[in-house]
Amino acid sequence: MYAKNEKGFTLLELVIVTALLGILIPLTSSMIINTYNEYVKVSMINRMAASGDNALRSVTKDITIMKQIQKADEKNLYFTLLGAGKRYYRFHEPTNSFQLCMTDCVDGGDDAKDESFGILSKNLNINESGFQYYKKEKKISQLTEISDNLSLSQLGWWLTFQSALPAIPSHPDLLIGYIKVKLMFGLIGEDDVEGNPTWQFEIPLYSIVRPALPS
């Protein structure tokens, strides 16, 4: 006669295995969720950086062939191009975005036409993003003046400016040396104890450009 095969788990073994699974499953799932969240965050940062880089390339290229400023302040830069065409770049607070318009940008009252703008970059900290305009007079240090023949790449990290111009630097006699475009990306996190929104992280990107205007 053949002996019965009565192998199996005892009740104690089942209890121990169940207890271990109850400990391991939450730990494992927590690790997986945290890893996925970090992956999503890194992917979002990479997308923001790529978007910002493309936006800066666009505005930098256009500023270098700028012919005449139509409107310029901290959040708006509207100008004609050498040859033909116009460009209107703006920081749009309601959508926290950096936008571009190429045709039919303003109405009869010179107000921007929202429907004519396309979004170049989103997720901006609008309060920390904008344009700055600098006079022709520039300094590397307190004593050394920058030569007009010195290129921007040669200035390197030693380039500093005198104070920024007033809000609208479009007076015909006002000579602009450089325009700075700053994009500050970030994601809003939970509110602080006073109910103000906080930023989970921020990515500053900027470009300093010499326009083709007489400078």
N, C-alpha and C. Protein backbone atom coordinates (compact mmCIF):
# COMPACT_ATOMS: atom_id res chain seq x y z
N MET A 1 0.82 -1.20 0.00
CA MET A 1 0.00 0.00 0.00
C MET A 1 0.86 1.26 0.00
N TYR A 2 0.35 2.27 -0.68
CA TYR A 2 1.08 3.55 -0.70
C TYR A 2 0.66 4.41 0.48
N ALA A 3 1.66 5.09 1.07
CA ALA A 3 1.38 5.99 2.21
C ALA A 3 0.76 7.28 1.70
N LYS A 4 -0.18 7.85 2.46
CA LYS A 4 -0.82 9.11 2.10
C LYS A 4 0.17 10.28 2.21
N ASN A 5 0.12 11.16 1.20
CA ASN A 5 0.95 12.38 1.24
C ASN A 5 0.14 13.48 1.91
N GLU A 6 0.48 13.74 3.15
CA GLU A 6 -0.30 14.71 3.93
C GLU A 6 0.49 15.98 4.21
N LYS A 7 1.41 16.35 3.24
CA LYS A 7 2.17 17.58 3.42
C LYS A 7 1.26 18.80 3.28
N GLY A 8 1.54 19.89 4.02
CA GLY A 8 0.74 21.11 3.97
C GLY A 8 1.22 22.12 4.98
N PHE A 9 0.44 23.18 5.15
CA PHE A 9 0.80 24.23 6.10
C PHE A 9 0.00 24.05 7.38
N THR A 10 0.68 24.31 8.45
CA THR A 10 -0.04 24.32 9.73
C THR A 10 -0.67 25.70 9.91
N LEU A 11 -1.59 25.76 10.83
CA LEU A 11 -2.26 27.04 11.11
C LEU A 11 -1.26 28.09 11.57
N LEU A 12 -0.26 27.67 12.35
CA LEU A 12 0.76 28.61 12.85
C LEU A 12 1.57 29.18 11.69
N GLU A 13 1.94 28.34 10.74
CA GLU A 13 2.70 28.81 9.58
C GLU A 13 1.90 29.82 8.76
N LEU A 14 0.62 29.53 8.57
CA LEU A 14 -0.23 30.46 7.83
C LEU A 14 -0.32 31.80 8.53
N VAL A 15 -0.43 31.77 9.84
CA VAL A 15 -0.52 33.02 10.60
C VAL A 15 0.76 33.82 10.45
N ILE A 16 1.92 33.14 10.53
CA ILE A 16 3.21 33.83 10.41
C ILE A 16 3.38 34.44 9.01
N VAL A 17 3.04 33.67 7.97
CA VAL A 17 3.16 34.17 6.60
C VAL A 17 2.24 35.36 6.38
N THR A 18 1.01 35.26 6.90
CA THR A 18 0.06 36.37 6.75
C THR A 18 0.58 37.63 7.44
N ALA A 19 1.16 37.45 8.61
CA ALA A 19 1.70 38.60 9.35
C ALA A 19 2.86 39.23 8.60
N LEU A 20 3.74 38.41 8.03
CA LEU A 20 4.87 38.93 7.27
C LEU A 20 4.41 39.68 6.03
N LEU A 21 3.43 39.10 5.34
CA LEU A 21 2.90 39.79 4.15
C LEU A 21 2.26 41.12 4.52
N GLY A 22 1.60 41.15 5.67
CA GLY A 22 0.98 42.38 6.12
C GLY A 22 2.00 43.48 6.39
N ILE A 23 3.23 43.07 6.72
CA ILE A 23 4.29 44.05 6.95
C ILE A 23 4.98 44.43 5.64
N LEU A 24 5.28 43.41 4.81
CA LEU A 24 6.06 43.63 3.60
C LEU A 24 5.29 44.37 2.51
N ILE A 25 4.01 44.04 2.35
CA ILE A 25 3.24 44.65 1.25
C ILE A 25 3.15 46.17 1.38
N PRO A 26 2.81 46.72 2.55
CA PRO A 26 2.78 48.19 2.66
C PRO A 26 4.14 48.83 2.41
N LEU A 27 5.21 48.18 2.93
CA LEU A 27 6.55 48.73 2.72
C LEU A 27 6.91 48.73 1.24
N THR A 28 6.64 47.62 0.57
CA THR A 28 6.97 47.51 -0.85
C THR A 28 6.15 48.49 -1.69
N SER A 29 4.84 48.55 -1.40
CA SER A 29 4.00 49.47 -2.17
C SER A 29 4.40 50.92 -1.93
N SER A 30 4.82 51.24 -0.70
CA SER A 30 5.26 52.60 -0.40
C SER A 30 6.52 52.94 -1.20
N MET A 31 7.46 51.99 -1.29
CA MET A 31 8.68 52.21 -2.06
C MET A 31 8.36 52.41 -3.53
N ILE A 32 7.44 51.60 -4.06
CA ILE A 32 7.07 51.71 -5.47
C ILE A 32 6.41 53.06 -5.75
N ILE A 33 5.50 53.48 -4.88
CA ILE A 33 4.81 54.76 -5.06
C ILE A 33 5.79 55.92 -4.99
N ASN A 34 6.72 55.88 -4.00
CA ASN A 34 7.70 56.96 -3.87
C ASN A 34 8.61 57.03 -5.09
N THR A 35 9.02 55.85 -5.58
CA THR A 35 9.86 55.81 -6.77
C THR A 35 9.13 56.38 -7.97
N TYR A 36 7.87 56.02 -8.12
CA TYR A 36 7.07 56.53 -9.24
C TYR A 36 6.88 58.04 -9.13
N ASN A 37 6.61 58.53 -7.92
CA ASN A 37 6.43 59.97 -7.73
C ASN A 37 7.71 60.74 -8.08
N GLU A 38 8.87 60.20 -7.70
CA GLU A 38 10.13 60.84 -8.04
C GLU A 38 10.36 60.83 -9.54
N TYR A 39 9.98 59.72 -10.18
CA TYR A 39 10.12 59.64 -11.64
C TYR A 39 9.25 60.69 -12.32
N VAL A 40 8.01 60.84 -11.84
CA VAL A 40 7.11 61.85 -12.40
C VAL A 40 7.68 63.25 -12.20
N LYS A 41 8.24 63.50 -11.01
CA LYS A 41 8.80 64.82 -10.71
C LYS A 41 10.00 65.12 -11.62
N VAL A 42 10.90 64.15 -11.76
CA VAL A 42 12.07 64.35 -12.61
C VAL A 42 11.66 64.55 -14.07
N SER A 43 10.69 63.77 -14.52
CA SER A 43 10.20 63.91 -15.90
C SER A 43 9.60 65.29 -16.12
N MET A 44 8.86 65.78 -15.12
CA MET A 44 8.25 67.11 -15.23
C MET A 44 9.32 68.20 -15.26
N ILE A 45 10.35 68.05 -14.43
CA ILE A 45 11.44 69.01 -14.41
C ILE A 45 12.15 69.03 -15.77
N ASN A 46 12.37 67.85 -16.33
CA ASN A 46 13.02 67.78 -17.64
C ASN A 46 12.18 68.44 -18.72
N ARG A 47 10.85 68.23 -18.66
CA ARG A 47 9.97 68.85 -19.64
C ARG A 47 9.97 70.36 -19.50
N MET A 48 9.96 70.84 -18.24
CA MET A 48 10.01 72.28 -18.01
C MET A 48 11.31 72.88 -18.54
N ALA A 49 12.42 72.19 -18.26
CA ALA A 49 13.72 72.70 -18.71
C ALA A 49 13.79 72.74 -20.23
N ALA A 50 13.29 71.69 -20.88
CA ALA A 50 13.30 71.66 -22.35
C ALA A 50 12.40 72.74 -22.93
N SER A 51 11.22 72.92 -22.31
CA SER A 51 10.30 73.96 -22.76
C SER A 51 10.92 75.34 -22.59
N GLY A 52 11.55 75.58 -21.45
CA GLY A 52 12.20 76.86 -21.20
C GLY A 52 13.35 77.12 -22.14
N ASP A 53 14.12 76.09 -22.44
CA ASP A 53 15.24 76.24 -23.37
C ASP A 53 14.74 76.62 -24.76
N ASN A 54 13.68 75.96 -25.22
CA ASN A 54 13.12 76.30 -26.53
C ASN A 54 12.57 77.72 -26.56
N ALA A 55 11.91 78.12 -25.46
CA ALA A 55 11.36 79.48 -25.39
C ALA A 55 12.47 80.53 -25.42
N LEU A 56 13.55 80.27 -24.68
CA LEU A 56 14.65 81.23 -24.66
C LEU A 56 15.35 81.31 -26.01
N ARG A 57 15.45 80.18 -26.69
CA ARG A 57 16.05 80.20 -28.03
C ARG A 57 15.22 81.09 -28.97
N SER A 58 13.91 80.95 -28.87
CA SER A 58 13.03 81.72 -29.74
C SER A 58 13.14 83.22 -29.49
N VAL A 59 13.01 83.62 -28.23
CA VAL A 59 13.02 85.05 -27.91
C VAL A 59 14.42 85.64 -28.11
N THR A 60 15.46 84.86 -27.83
CA THR A 60 16.83 85.35 -28.04
C THR A 60 17.09 85.62 -29.51
N LYS A 61 16.68 84.69 -30.37
CA LYS A 61 16.89 84.86 -31.80
C LYS A 61 16.17 86.11 -32.31
N ASP A 62 14.94 86.33 -31.85
CA ASP A 62 14.17 87.48 -32.32
C ASP A 62 14.72 88.80 -31.80
N ILE A 63 15.19 88.81 -30.55
CA ILE A 63 15.73 90.06 -30.00
C ILE A 63 16.98 90.49 -30.76
N THR A 64 17.76 89.52 -31.22
CA THR A 64 18.99 89.87 -31.95
C THR A 64 18.70 90.51 -33.31
N ILE A 65 17.47 90.37 -33.81
CA ILE A 65 17.10 91.03 -35.07
C ILE A 65 15.96 92.03 -34.83
N MET A 66 15.91 92.58 -33.62
CA MET A 66 14.91 93.57 -33.27
C MET A 66 15.19 94.88 -34.00
N LYS A 67 14.14 95.48 -34.57
CA LYS A 67 14.28 96.75 -35.28
C LYS A 67 13.79 97.92 -34.45
N GLN A 68 12.56 97.82 -33.94
CA GLN A 68 11.98 98.93 -33.18
C GLN A 68 11.02 98.39 -32.14
N ILE A 69 11.11 98.92 -30.93
CA ILE A 69 10.23 98.51 -29.84
C ILE A 69 8.87 99.21 -29.97
N GLN A 70 7.80 98.45 -29.88
CA GLN A 70 6.45 99.00 -29.87
C GLN A 70 5.93 99.15 -28.44
N LYS A 71 6.24 98.18 -27.60
CA LYS A 71 5.84 98.22 -26.19
C LYS A 71 6.82 97.37 -25.41
N ALA A 72 7.25 97.88 -24.26
CA ALA A 72 8.19 97.12 -23.45
C ALA A 72 8.02 97.47 -21.99
N ASP A 73 7.76 96.47 -21.19
CA ASP A 73 7.75 96.61 -19.75
C ASP A 73 8.19 95.28 -19.15
N GLU A 74 7.95 95.10 -17.87
CA GLU A 74 8.46 93.90 -17.20
C GLU A 74 7.83 92.61 -17.72
N LYS A 75 6.58 92.68 -18.19
CA LYS A 75 5.87 91.47 -18.61
C LYS A 75 5.58 91.42 -20.10
N ASN A 76 5.85 92.48 -20.85
CA ASN A 76 5.52 92.54 -22.27
C ASN A 76 6.70 93.06 -23.08
N LEU A 77 6.92 92.45 -24.25
CA LEU A 77 7.94 92.92 -25.17
C LEU A 77 7.41 92.74 -26.59
N TYR A 78 7.03 93.87 -27.20
CA TYR A 78 6.41 93.88 -28.52
C TYR A 78 7.30 94.72 -29.43
N PHE A 79 7.75 94.15 -30.56
CA PHE A 79 8.70 94.85 -31.40
C PHE A 79 8.61 94.37 -32.85
N THR A 80 9.15 95.21 -33.74
CA THR A 80 9.25 94.83 -35.15
C THR A 80 10.62 94.20 -35.39
N LEU A 81 10.71 93.45 -36.48
CA LEU A 81 11.95 92.77 -36.84
C LEU A 81 12.62 93.47 -38.01
N LEU A 82 13.92 93.28 -38.11
CA LEU A 82 14.64 93.76 -39.29
C LEU A 82 14.11 93.01 -40.51
N GLY A 83 13.86 93.72 -41.57
CA GLY A 83 13.29 93.09 -42.76
C GLY A 83 11.79 93.22 -42.74
N ALA A 84 11.12 92.31 -42.06
CA ALA A 84 9.65 92.34 -41.96
C ALA A 84 9.21 91.47 -40.80
N GLY A 85 7.98 91.74 -40.32
CA GLY A 85 7.41 90.92 -39.27
C GLY A 85 7.45 91.59 -37.90
N LYS A 86 6.62 91.07 -36.99
CA LYS A 86 6.56 91.56 -35.62
C LYS A 86 6.57 90.37 -34.66
N ARG A 87 6.96 90.64 -33.45
CA ARG A 87 6.94 89.64 -32.39
C ARG A 87 6.40 90.29 -31.12
N TYR A 88 5.53 89.55 -30.43
CA TYR A 88 5.01 90.02 -29.14
C TYR A 88 5.16 88.86 -28.15
N TYR A 89 6.10 89.02 -27.24
CA TYR A 89 6.30 88.05 -26.16
C TYR A 89 5.71 88.64 -24.87
N ARG A 90 5.07 87.79 -24.09
CA ARG A 90 4.51 88.29 -22.83
C ARG A 90 4.45 87.18 -21.78
N PHE A 91 4.49 87.60 -20.52
CA PHE A 91 4.26 86.71 -19.39
C PHE A 91 2.81 86.90 -18.96
N HIS A 92 2.01 85.82 -19.08
CA HIS A 92 0.57 85.90 -18.87
C HIS A 92 0.23 85.36 -17.48
N GLU A 93 -0.16 86.26 -16.57
CA GLU A 93 -0.38 85.87 -15.18
C GLU A 93 -1.55 84.91 -14.98
N PRO A 94 -2.71 85.10 -15.66
CA PRO A 94 -3.82 84.16 -15.41
C PRO A 94 -3.49 82.70 -15.70
N THR A 95 -2.60 82.46 -16.67
CA THR A 95 -2.26 81.08 -17.03
C THR A 95 -0.85 80.69 -16.59
N ASN A 96 -0.14 81.59 -15.91
CA ASN A 96 1.24 81.32 -15.48
C ASN A 96 2.09 80.80 -16.64
N SER A 97 2.02 81.50 -17.78
CA SER A 97 2.69 81.02 -18.98
C SER A 97 3.46 82.13 -19.68
N PHE A 98 4.41 81.73 -20.52
CA PHE A 98 5.17 82.62 -21.40
C PHE A 98 4.62 82.42 -22.80
N GLN A 99 4.17 83.51 -23.44
CA GLN A 99 3.42 83.39 -24.68
C GLN A 99 4.04 84.20 -25.81
N LEU A 100 3.68 83.81 -27.03
CA LEU A 100 4.19 84.48 -28.23
C LEU A 100 3.06 84.72 -29.22
N CYS A 101 3.08 85.92 -29.82
CA CYS A 101 2.19 86.24 -30.93
C CYS A 101 3.04 86.77 -32.08
N MET A 102 2.68 86.34 -33.31
CA MET A 102 3.45 86.75 -34.49
C MET A 102 2.64 87.63 -35.45
N THR A 103 1.32 87.51 -35.44
CA THR A 103 0.46 88.32 -36.32
C THR A 103 -0.81 88.73 -35.58
N ASP A 104 -1.33 89.91 -35.93
CA ASP A 104 -2.59 90.40 -35.37
C ASP A 104 -2.57 90.36 -33.85
N CYS A 105 -1.56 90.97 -33.26
CA CYS A 105 -1.32 90.84 -31.83
C CYS A 105 -2.07 91.85 -30.96
N VAL A 106 -2.40 93.02 -31.52
CA VAL A 106 -3.06 94.05 -30.72
C VAL A 106 -4.29 94.56 -31.45
N ASP A 107 -5.22 95.12 -30.65
CA ASP A 107 -6.43 95.69 -31.24
C ASP A 107 -6.22 97.18 -31.51
N GLY A 108 -7.30 97.87 -31.83
CA GLY A 108 -7.21 99.29 -32.16
C GLY A 108 -6.70 100.14 -31.02
N GLY A 109 -6.88 99.68 -29.80
CA GLY A 109 -6.40 100.43 -28.64
C GLY A 109 -5.03 99.99 -28.16
N ASP A 110 -4.33 99.21 -28.99
CA ASP A 110 -2.99 98.70 -28.66
C ASP A 110 -2.99 97.75 -27.48
N ASP A 111 -4.14 97.14 -27.18
CA ASP A 111 -4.21 96.12 -26.15
C ASP A 111 -3.99 94.74 -26.78
N ALA A 112 -3.33 93.87 -26.06
CA ALA A 112 -3.02 92.54 -26.57
C ALA A 112 -4.30 91.74 -26.82
N LYS A 113 -4.34 91.02 -27.93
CA LYS A 113 -5.48 90.16 -28.28
C LYS A 113 -5.14 88.74 -27.84
N ASP A 114 -5.79 88.29 -26.77
CA ASP A 114 -5.46 87.00 -26.16
C ASP A 114 -5.55 85.84 -27.15
N GLU A 115 -6.51 85.89 -28.05
CA GLU A 115 -6.72 84.77 -28.97
C GLU A 115 -5.59 84.62 -29.98
N SER A 116 -4.74 85.62 -30.11
CA SER A 116 -3.65 85.57 -31.09
C SER A 116 -2.36 84.97 -30.52
N PHE A 117 -2.36 84.69 -29.23
CA PHE A 117 -1.14 84.22 -28.56
C PHE A 117 -1.13 82.70 -28.43
N GLY A 118 0.07 82.15 -28.58
CA GLY A 118 0.30 80.73 -28.31
C GLY A 118 1.23 80.58 -27.12
N ILE A 119 1.11 79.46 -26.41
CA ILE A 119 1.90 79.24 -25.20
C ILE A 119 3.24 78.59 -25.55
N LEU A 120 4.33 79.21 -25.10
CA LEU A 120 5.66 78.63 -25.27
C LEU A 120 6.07 77.79 -24.07
N SER A 121 5.75 78.28 -22.86
CA SER A 121 6.12 77.57 -21.63
C SER A 121 5.04 77.79 -20.58
N LYS A 122 4.81 76.74 -19.78
CA LYS A 122 3.83 76.81 -18.70
C LYS A 122 4.51 76.57 -17.35
N ASN A 123 3.70 76.59 -16.28
CA ASN A 123 4.18 76.34 -14.92
C ASN A 123 5.25 77.35 -14.50
N LEU A 124 5.00 78.63 -14.80
CA LEU A 124 5.94 79.67 -14.42
C LEU A 124 5.53 80.34 -13.11
N ASN A 125 6.52 80.72 -12.34
CA ASN A 125 6.30 81.63 -11.22
C ASN A 125 6.35 83.04 -11.80
N ILE A 126 5.18 83.58 -12.13
CA ILE A 126 5.11 84.86 -12.83
C ILE A 126 5.77 85.99 -12.04
N ASN A 127 5.67 85.94 -10.72
CA ASN A 127 6.25 87.01 -9.91
C ASN A 127 7.77 87.07 -10.05
N GLU A 128 8.39 85.93 -10.37
CA GLU A 128 9.84 85.87 -10.49
C GLU A 128 10.31 85.83 -11.95
N SER A 129 9.38 85.94 -12.90
CA SER A 129 9.72 85.89 -14.32
C SER A 129 9.46 87.25 -14.96
N GLY A 130 10.22 87.58 -15.99
CA GLY A 130 9.97 88.85 -16.66
C GLY A 130 11.15 89.33 -17.49
N PHE A 131 11.00 90.53 -18.02
CA PHE A 131 12.04 91.18 -18.82
C PHE A 131 12.70 92.28 -17.99
N GLN A 132 13.99 92.48 -18.23
CA GLN A 132 14.71 93.61 -17.67
C GLN A 132 15.50 94.27 -18.79
N TYR A 133 15.59 95.59 -18.73
CA TYR A 133 16.22 96.36 -19.80
C TYR A 133 17.36 97.17 -19.21
N TYR A 134 18.51 97.15 -19.88
CA TYR A 134 19.69 97.80 -19.33
C TYR A 134 20.25 98.83 -20.31
N LYS A 135 20.77 99.90 -19.74
CA LYS A 135 21.30 101.00 -20.54
C LYS A 135 22.57 100.59 -21.30
N LYS A 136 22.95 101.46 -22.20
CA LYS A 136 24.16 101.19 -22.97
C LYS A 136 25.38 101.10 -22.06
N GLU A 137 25.44 101.95 -21.02
CA GLU A 137 26.59 101.95 -20.13
C GLU A 137 26.59 100.67 -19.30
N LYS A 138 27.67 99.89 -19.41
CA LYS A 138 27.78 98.62 -18.72
C LYS A 138 29.13 98.55 -18.01
N LYS A 139 29.22 97.76 -16.99
CA LYS A 139 30.48 97.66 -16.26
C LYS A 139 30.80 96.21 -15.92
N ILE A 140 32.10 95.88 -15.99
CA ILE A 140 32.55 94.60 -15.48
C ILE A 140 32.87 94.76 -14.00
N SER A 141 33.46 95.87 -13.66
CA SER A 141 33.76 96.17 -12.26
C SER A 141 33.51 97.65 -12.03
N GLN A 142 33.86 98.14 -10.87
CA GLN A 142 33.64 99.55 -10.57
C GLN A 142 34.55 100.45 -11.42
N LEU A 143 35.67 99.93 -11.92
CA LEU A 143 36.64 100.76 -12.60
C LEU A 143 36.76 100.47 -14.09
N THR A 144 36.40 99.27 -14.53
CA THR A 144 36.67 98.86 -15.91
C THR A 144 35.40 98.94 -16.75
N GLU A 145 35.42 99.75 -17.78
CA GLU A 145 34.29 99.84 -18.70
C GLU A 145 34.37 98.73 -19.74
N ILE A 146 33.19 98.23 -20.16
CA ILE A 146 33.15 97.20 -21.19
C ILE A 146 33.30 97.84 -22.55
N SER A 147 34.17 97.29 -23.37
CA SER A 147 34.34 97.78 -24.73
C SER A 147 33.14 97.41 -25.58
N ASP A 148 32.76 98.29 -26.52
CA ASP A 148 31.65 97.99 -27.42
C ASP A 148 31.95 96.80 -28.32
N ASN A 149 33.24 96.48 -28.49
CA ASN A 149 33.63 95.38 -29.37
C ASN A 149 33.68 94.04 -28.63
N LEU A 150 33.45 94.06 -27.33
CA LEU A 150 33.52 92.83 -26.54
C LEU A 150 32.22 92.07 -26.67
N SER A 151 32.30 90.80 -27.09
CA SER A 151 31.09 90.01 -27.30
C SER A 151 30.53 89.53 -25.98
N LEU A 152 29.25 89.13 -25.98
CA LEU A 152 28.60 88.65 -24.76
C LEU A 152 29.28 87.41 -24.23
N SER A 153 29.71 86.51 -25.13
CA SER A 153 30.37 85.28 -24.69
C SER A 153 31.69 85.59 -23.99
N GLN A 154 32.37 86.65 -24.41
CA GLN A 154 33.63 87.01 -23.79
C GLN A 154 33.44 87.60 -22.39
N LEU A 155 32.27 88.17 -22.16
CA LEU A 155 32.02 88.78 -20.85
C LEU A 155 31.92 87.72 -19.77
N GLY A 156 31.38 86.56 -20.13
CA GLY A 156 31.28 85.46 -19.18
C GLY A 156 30.50 85.82 -17.94
N TRP A 157 30.89 85.23 -16.82
CA TRP A 157 30.18 85.44 -15.56
C TRP A 157 30.54 86.77 -14.90
N TRP A 158 31.48 87.52 -15.50
CA TRP A 158 31.89 88.78 -14.89
C TRP A 158 30.97 89.93 -15.28
N LEU A 159 30.03 89.66 -16.19
CA LEU A 159 29.16 90.74 -16.67
C LEU A 159 28.16 91.16 -15.59
N THR A 160 28.21 92.42 -15.23
CA THR A 160 27.21 92.99 -14.32
C THR A 160 26.66 94.25 -14.97
N PHE A 161 25.51 94.72 -14.47
CA PHE A 161 24.85 95.87 -15.09
C PHE A 161 24.63 96.98 -14.09
N GLN A 162 24.45 98.16 -14.64
CA GLN A 162 23.93 99.24 -13.83
C GLN A 162 22.44 98.99 -13.64
N SER A 163 21.78 99.87 -12.93
CA SER A 163 20.38 99.63 -12.58
C SER A 163 19.51 99.49 -13.84
N ALA A 164 18.47 98.68 -13.72
CA ALA A 164 17.56 98.45 -14.85
C ALA A 164 16.82 99.74 -15.21
N LEU A 165 16.35 99.77 -16.44
CA LEU A 165 15.65 100.95 -16.93
C LEU A 165 14.25 101.05 -16.32
N PRO A 166 13.57 102.18 -16.52
CA PRO A 166 12.17 102.29 -16.11
C PRO A 166 11.29 101.28 -16.84
N ALA A 167 10.02 101.24 -16.50
CA ALA A 167 9.11 100.20 -16.99
C ALA A 167 9.00 100.19 -18.51
N ILE A 168 9.00 101.35 -19.16
CA ILE A 168 8.78 101.40 -20.61
C ILE A 168 9.98 102.08 -21.28
N PRO A 169 10.97 101.29 -21.73
CA PRO A 169 12.20 101.87 -22.30
C PRO A 169 12.08 102.10 -23.80
N SER A 170 10.99 102.71 -24.27
CA SER A 170 10.77 102.85 -25.70
C SER A 170 10.98 104.28 -26.21
N HIS A 171 11.51 105.14 -25.36
CA HIS A 171 11.81 106.50 -25.80
C HIS A 171 12.89 106.45 -26.88
N PRO A 172 12.73 107.19 -27.99
CA PRO A 172 13.68 107.08 -29.11
C PRO A 172 15.11 107.45 -28.74
N ASP A 173 15.30 108.30 -27.72
CA ASP A 173 16.64 108.71 -27.33
C ASP A 173 17.28 107.79 -26.30
N LEU A 174 16.53 106.78 -25.85
CA LEU A 174 17.04 105.89 -24.81
C LEU A 174 17.73 104.70 -25.47
N LEU A 175 19.02 104.52 -25.17
CA LEU A 175 19.80 103.46 -25.79
C LEU A 175 19.84 102.23 -24.88
N ILE A 176 19.42 101.09 -25.43
CA ILE A 176 19.37 99.85 -24.67
C ILE A 176 20.60 99.02 -25.00
N GLY A 177 21.32 98.61 -23.96
CA GLY A 177 22.49 97.78 -24.17
C GLY A 177 22.15 96.31 -24.24
N TYR A 178 21.34 95.84 -23.28
CA TYR A 178 20.98 94.42 -23.21
C TYR A 178 19.55 94.27 -22.70
N ILE A 179 18.94 93.15 -23.05
CA ILE A 179 17.63 92.76 -22.51
C ILE A 179 17.80 91.40 -21.85
N LYS A 180 17.33 91.29 -20.63
CA LYS A 180 17.39 90.01 -19.91
C LYS A 180 16.00 89.39 -19.88
N VAL A 181 15.92 88.11 -20.23
CA VAL A 181 14.67 87.35 -20.18
C VAL A 181 14.84 86.27 -19.12
N LYS A 182 13.99 86.30 -18.10
CA LYS A 182 14.10 85.33 -17.01
C LYS A 182 12.83 84.50 -16.91
N LEU A 183 12.99 83.17 -16.94
CA LEU A 183 11.88 82.24 -16.75
C LEU A 183 12.12 81.47 -15.46
N MET A 184 11.19 81.58 -14.53
CA MET A 184 11.30 80.83 -13.27
C MET A 184 10.19 79.78 -13.23
N PHE A 185 10.57 78.53 -13.41
CA PHE A 185 9.59 77.44 -13.40
C PHE A 185 9.43 76.88 -12.00
N GLY A 186 8.28 76.26 -11.76
CA GLY A 186 8.05 75.60 -10.48
C GLY A 186 6.66 75.02 -10.39
N LEU A 187 6.43 74.22 -9.36
CA LEU A 187 5.12 73.65 -9.08
C LEU A 187 4.68 74.10 -7.70
N ILE A 188 3.46 74.55 -7.59
CA ILE A 188 2.93 75.01 -6.31
C ILE A 188 2.61 73.82 -5.43
N GLY A 189 3.11 73.86 -4.21
CA GLY A 189 2.84 72.79 -3.25
C GLY A 189 1.72 73.17 -2.30
N GLU A 190 1.74 72.61 -1.11
CA GLU A 190 0.70 72.90 -0.12
C GLU A 190 0.89 74.32 0.43
N ASP A 191 -0.22 74.88 0.92
CA ASP A 191 -0.16 76.21 1.52
C ASP A 191 0.61 76.15 2.84
N ASP A 192 1.27 77.27 3.17
CA ASP A 192 1.96 77.33 4.45
C ASP A 192 0.96 77.62 5.57
N VAL A 193 1.47 77.84 6.77
CA VAL A 193 0.59 78.03 7.94
C VAL A 193 -0.27 79.28 7.81
N GLU A 194 0.16 80.23 7.00
CA GLU A 194 -0.60 81.46 6.81
C GLU A 194 -1.52 81.39 5.60
N GLY A 195 -1.57 80.22 4.95
CA GLY A 195 -2.46 80.05 3.82
C GLY A 195 -1.90 80.50 2.49
N ASN A 196 -0.60 80.83 2.44
CA ASN A 196 0.03 81.23 1.20
C ASN A 196 0.61 80.02 0.47
N PRO A 197 0.48 79.96 -0.85
CA PRO A 197 1.02 78.82 -1.59
C PRO A 197 2.54 78.78 -1.54
N THR A 198 3.10 77.61 -1.46
CA THR A 198 4.55 77.44 -1.47
C THR A 198 4.96 76.73 -2.75
N TRP A 199 6.26 76.83 -3.08
CA TRP A 199 6.76 76.21 -4.30
C TRP A 199 7.54 74.95 -3.94
N GLN A 200 7.17 73.81 -4.57
CA GLN A 200 7.86 72.56 -4.31
C GLN A 200 9.30 72.62 -4.78
N PHE A 201 9.53 73.21 -5.92
CA PHE A 201 10.88 73.41 -6.45
C PHE A 201 10.82 74.52 -7.48
N GLU A 202 11.96 75.10 -7.80
CA GLU A 202 12.02 76.16 -8.80
C GLU A 202 13.22 75.94 -9.72
N ILE A 203 13.03 76.25 -11.00
CA ILE A 203 14.09 76.12 -12.00
C ILE A 203 14.27 77.48 -12.66
N PRO A 204 15.35 78.20 -12.36
CA PRO A 204 15.58 79.50 -13.02
C PRO A 204 16.32 79.31 -14.34
N LEU A 205 15.78 79.89 -15.41
CA LEU A 205 16.44 79.93 -16.71
C LEU A 205 16.42 81.37 -17.20
N TYR A 206 17.53 81.83 -17.76
CA TYR A 206 17.52 83.20 -18.26
C TYR A 206 18.51 83.36 -19.41
N SER A 207 18.27 84.41 -20.18
CA SER A 207 19.15 84.76 -21.29
C SER A 207 19.35 86.26 -21.29
N ILE A 208 20.58 86.71 -21.56
CA ILE A 208 20.90 88.13 -21.66
C ILE A 208 21.31 88.41 -23.09
N VAL A 209 20.57 89.28 -23.78
CA VAL A 209 20.71 89.43 -25.21
C VAL A 209 20.97 90.89 -25.59
N ARG A 210 21.84 91.10 -26.56
CA ARG A 210 22.04 92.42 -27.13
C ARG A 210 21.12 92.58 -28.33
N PRO A 211 20.17 93.51 -28.30
CA PRO A 211 19.29 93.69 -29.44
C PRO A 211 20.00 94.38 -30.61
N ALA A 212 19.36 94.31 -31.78
CA ALA A 212 19.93 94.97 -32.96
C ALA A 212 19.64 96.46 -32.97
N LEU A 213 18.85 96.95 -32.01
CA LEU A 213 18.59 98.39 -31.91
C LEU A 213 19.92 99.15 -31.76
N PRO A 214 19.99 100.40 -32.18
CA PRO A 214 21.22 101.19 -31.96
C PRO A 214 21.56 101.19 -30.47
N SER A 215 22.74 100.72 -30.14
CA SER A 215 23.12 100.63 -28.72
C SER A 215 24.55 101.13 -28.52
